[in-house]
C-alpha cells in the first residue's frame, strides 16, 4: 500500500468496468492483512462508485434498479456486531423471533423465525418452492451463530442485530447488505 490515496483514486477512475471490480477485490484482500483507515475509506468510495456504475448500466439496459443498500457506517456496523456477540445477555433465539421485513421499496422480502425453531423466507436461491416460500429449521450455536437448514438455498452469509435490536442486517453472498425491520414478535414459551 505504498501509493497515496489520491493516486489510487485517479488510478481507479481510469479503469474500465471489469478492472474496477478486480481492483476492489484486490483492495479487500490487502485490507485483510493491513489495517489502514484511509484505504478502508478508499474501498468504500470505490464500491459506491462501482455500484453506481452498475445501476447506470442496468437502467440503460432496461433492467429494474437494484434495491439500494442501507446507509450503515463502519462504526454502526461494529457496534451492531459487538451487541450481537457481547450484548446484554439476551438470548439470541429470543431476539431473532418474529417477522423481519425490508422496506417496501426494496422488495417484499422477509424472514420469519418461529419459537419452535422453524423459519420461512421468500428470499432464497434456486427454483421457487410450490408457494414461493422456503421453509426450514434454525438453531443458535454455542458461539451465538444462527445455523439454518437448508443453508445451500439461502442467499445470505451473515446476519446481525442493530444496537437497538429492532433491525436485522443481512449480508448477501454478493456482498450487498440489507436492513430488515422487526414487524411483530411471537410469544416465547
Protein backbone atom coordinates (compact mmCIF):
# COMPACT_ATOMS: atom_id res chain seq x y z
CA UNK A 1 0.00 0.00 0.00
CA UNK A 2 2.72 2.37 -0.99
CA UNK A 3 0.70 4.66 -3.28
CA UNK A 4 -1.09 7.58 -1.69
CA UNK A 5 -4.87 7.70 -1.68
CA UNK A 6 -5.10 10.45 -4.32
CA UNK A 7 -3.05 8.42 -6.79
CA UNK A 8 -5.16 5.34 -6.14
CA UNK A 9 -8.39 7.33 -6.65
CA UNK A 10 -7.12 8.60 -10.02
CA UNK A 11 -5.98 5.11 -10.97
CA UNK A 12 -9.39 3.63 -10.09
CA UNK A 13 -11.24 6.34 -12.06
CA UNK A 14 -9.23 5.41 -15.17
CA UNK A 15 -10.03 1.70 -15.04
CA UNK A 16 -12.67 0.01 -17.16
CA UNK A 17 -15.67 -1.68 -15.57
CA UNK A 18 -14.12 -5.16 -15.18
CA UNK A 19 -10.84 -3.73 -13.92
CA UNK A 20 -12.69 -1.74 -11.26
CA UNK A 21 -14.24 -4.93 -9.88
CA UNK A 22 -10.82 -6.58 -9.80
CA UNK A 23 -9.27 -3.50 -8.12
CA UNK A 24 -11.96 -3.63 -5.39
CA UNK A 25 -11.40 -7.35 -4.87
CA UNK A 26 -7.63 -6.88 -4.60
CA UNK A 27 -8.00 -3.96 -2.19
CA UNK A 28 -10.36 -6.02 0.01
CA UNK A 29 -7.80 -8.83 0.13
CA UNK A 30 -4.99 -6.43 1.00
CA UNK A 31 -7.04 -4.89 3.82
CA UNK A 32 -7.42 -8.33 5.40
CA UNK A 33 -3.71 -8.21 6.26
CA UNK A 34 -3.14 -4.44 6.60
CA UNK A 35 -5.14 -2.13 8.88
CA UNK A 36 -5.41 1.25 7.17
CA UNK A 37 -8.35 3.57 7.80
CA UNK A 38 -7.63 5.73 4.71
CA UNK A 39 -7.56 2.63 2.50
CA UNK A 40 -10.80 1.32 4.05
CA UNK A 41 -12.44 4.67 3.18
CA UNK A 42 -11.00 4.37 -0.33
CA UNK A 43 -12.51 0.90 -0.61
CA UNK A 44 -15.93 2.25 0.45
CA UNK A 45 -15.66 5.05 -2.15
CA UNK A 46 -14.68 2.57 -4.87
CA UNK A 47 -17.55 0.21 -4.01
CA UNK A 48 -20.03 3.09 -4.09
CA UNK A 49 -18.70 4.28 -7.45
CA UNK A 50 -18.77 0.75 -8.85
CA UNK A 51 -22.35 0.17 -7.61
CA UNK A 52 -23.44 3.48 -9.14
CA UNK A 53 -21.96 2.36 -12.47
CA UNK A 54 -23.78 -0.99 -12.18
CA UNK A 55 -27.08 0.84 -11.60
CA UNK A 56 -26.48 3.09 -14.63
CA UNK A 57 -25.67 0.08 -16.82
CA UNK A 58 -28.78 -1.76 -15.60
CA UNK A 59 -31.02 1.25 -16.22
CA UNK A 60 -29.52 1.72 -19.69
CA UNK A 61 -30.16 -1.97 -20.44
CA UNK A 62 -33.76 -1.64 -19.24
CA UNK A 63 -33.39 -3.62 -16.02
CA UNK A 64 -35.24 -2.52 -12.92
CA UNK A 65 -32.98 -0.71 -10.46
CA UNK A 66 -31.45 -2.84 -7.72
CA UNK A 67 -32.61 -2.16 -4.18
CA UNK A 68 -30.39 0.40 -2.52
CA UNK A 69 -28.03 -0.66 0.21
CA UNK A 70 -28.70 0.66 3.67
CA UNK A 71 -26.54 3.55 4.75
CA UNK A 72 -24.58 1.83 7.50
CA UNK A 73 -21.35 3.36 8.69
CA UNK A 74 -18.45 1.13 9.73
CA UNK A 75 -18.92 2.34 13.33
CA UNK A 76 -22.61 1.36 13.35
CA UNK A 77 -21.71 -2.00 11.81
CA UNK A 78 -19.07 -2.61 14.52
CA UNK A 79 -21.48 -1.63 17.32
CA UNK A 80 -24.18 -3.90 15.91
CA UNK A 81 -21.75 -6.81 15.69
CA UNK A 82 -20.48 -6.20 19.23
CA UNK A 83 -24.05 -6.02 20.51
CA UNK A 84 -24.86 -9.29 18.79
CA UNK A 85 -21.80 -11.08 20.12
CA UNK A 86 -21.40 -9.50 23.54
CA UNK A 87 -24.78 -7.90 24.09
CA UNK A 88 -26.85 -7.61 27.19
CA UNK A 89 -27.07 -11.38 27.80
CA UNK A 90 -30.37 -11.56 25.94
CA UNK A 91 -30.72 -14.93 24.31
CA UNK A 92 -30.15 -14.65 20.53
CA UNK A 93 -33.02 -17.03 19.80
CA UNK A 94 -35.41 -14.80 21.75
CA UNK A 95 -34.17 -11.70 19.92
CA UNK A 96 -34.49 -13.21 16.45
CA UNK A 97 -38.06 -14.48 16.84
CA UNK A 98 -40.67 -12.72 14.74
CA UNK A 99 -41.09 -11.36 11.25
CA UNK A 100 -38.31 -9.24 9.72
CA UNK A 101 -39.11 -7.35 6.52
CA UNK A 102 -37.30 -4.98 4.17
CA UNK A 103 -38.65 -1.54 3.39
CA UNK A 104 -41.44 -1.87 0.78
CA UNK A 105 -39.47 -0.01 -1.91
CA UNK A 106 -36.69 -2.63 -1.64
CA UNK A 107 -38.99 -5.50 -2.49
CA UNK A 108 -41.37 -7.58 -0.45
CA UNK A 109 -38.65 -9.76 1.09
CA UNK A 110 -38.93 -11.17 4.59
CA UNK A 111 -37.70 -13.74 7.11
CA UNK A 112 -39.90 -15.23 9.83
CA UNK A 113 -38.28 -17.03 12.78
CA UNK A 114 -40.65 -19.10 14.92
CA UNK A 115 -40.30 -20.20 18.55
CA UNK A 116 -40.32 -23.87 17.52
CA UNK A 117 -37.04 -23.42 15.61
CA UNK A 118 -38.57 -23.14 12.15
CA UNK A 119 -38.18 -20.28 9.71
CA UNK A 120 -39.53 -19.17 6.37
CA UNK A 121 -38.38 -16.68 3.77
CA UNK A 122 -39.17 -15.61 0.25
CA UNK A 123 -35.57 -14.56 -0.42
CA UNK A 124 -33.56 -17.59 -1.47
CA UNK A 125 -31.66 -19.11 -4.37
CA UNK A 126 -32.93 -21.72 -6.77
CA UNK A 127 -36.33 -22.66 -8.10
CA UNK A 128 -39.28 -21.45 -6.07
CA UNK A 129 -40.87 -23.85 -3.66
CA UNK A 130 -44.50 -24.64 -4.53
CA UNK A 131 -45.81 -21.46 -2.87
CA UNK A 132 -42.72 -19.29 -3.44
CA UNK A 133 -41.61 -19.69 0.18
CA UNK A 134 -38.60 -21.57 1.55
CA UNK A 135 -39.16 -23.22 4.92
CA UNK A 136 -36.57 -24.78 7.16
CA UNK A 137 -35.14 -25.06 10.65
CA UNK A 138 -32.73 -22.88 12.59
CA UNK A 139 -30.69 -23.28 15.75
CA UNK A 140 -28.44 -20.95 17.66
CA UNK A 141 -24.96 -22.36 18.23
CA UNK A 142 -22.84 -22.02 21.35
CA UNK A 143 -20.85 -19.27 19.63
CA UNK A 144 -24.14 -17.36 19.11
CA UNK A 145 -24.24 -18.06 15.39
CA UNK A 146 -27.56 -18.79 13.74
CA UNK A 147 -27.43 -22.04 11.79
CA UNK A 148 -30.15 -22.50 9.18
CA UNK A 149 -31.12 -25.53 7.09
CA UNK A 150 -31.39 -25.83 4.13
CA UNK A 151 -28.41 -23.47 4.09
CA UNK A 152 -27.45 -24.19 0.47
CA UNK A 153 -30.52 -22.32 -0.81
CA UNK A 154 -30.10 -19.24 1.38
CA UNK A 155 -28.66 -16.09 -0.16
CA UNK A 156 -27.04 -14.61 2.93
CA UNK A 157 -23.63 -15.06 4.50
CA UNK A 158 -24.10 -13.11 7.73
CA UNK A 159 -26.77 -11.58 9.90
CA UNK A 160 -26.60 -9.25 12.88
CA UNK A 161 -28.84 -7.15 15.08
CA UNK A 162 -28.72 -3.38 15.29
CA UNK A 163 -27.76 -1.89 18.64
CA UNK A 164 -31.42 -1.28 19.48
CA UNK A 165 -32.40 -4.77 18.36
CA UNK A 166 -35.23 -3.60 16.08
CA UNK A 167 -33.20 -4.10 12.89
CA UNK A 168 -31.64 -7.23 11.45
CA UNK A 169 -28.85 -6.57 8.95
CA UNK A 170 -28.38 -9.39 6.47
CA UNK A 171 -25.35 -9.56 4.19
CA UNK A 172 -25.95 -11.47 0.97
CA UNK A 173 -23.42 -13.69 -0.81
CA UNK A 174 -22.76 -10.94 -3.38
CA UNK A 175 -21.65 -8.58 -0.57
CA UNK A 176 -24.76 -6.39 -0.52
CA UNK A 177 -26.30 -5.74 2.90
CA UNK A 178 -29.96 -5.10 3.62
CA UNK A 179 -31.74 -3.94 6.71
CA UNK A 180 -34.85 -5.78 7.83
CA UNK A 181 -37.18 -4.17 10.38
CA UNK A 182 -38.95 -6.23 13.03
CA UNK A 183 -42.65 -6.45 12.20
CA UNK A 184 -44.04 -8.47 15.07
CA UNK A 185 -42.81 -10.60 17.93
CA UNK A 186 -44.01 -14.10 18.66
CA UNK A 187 -44.56 -15.11 22.29
CA UNK A 188 -41.89 -17.37 23.75
CA UNK A 189 -42.72 -20.41 25.85
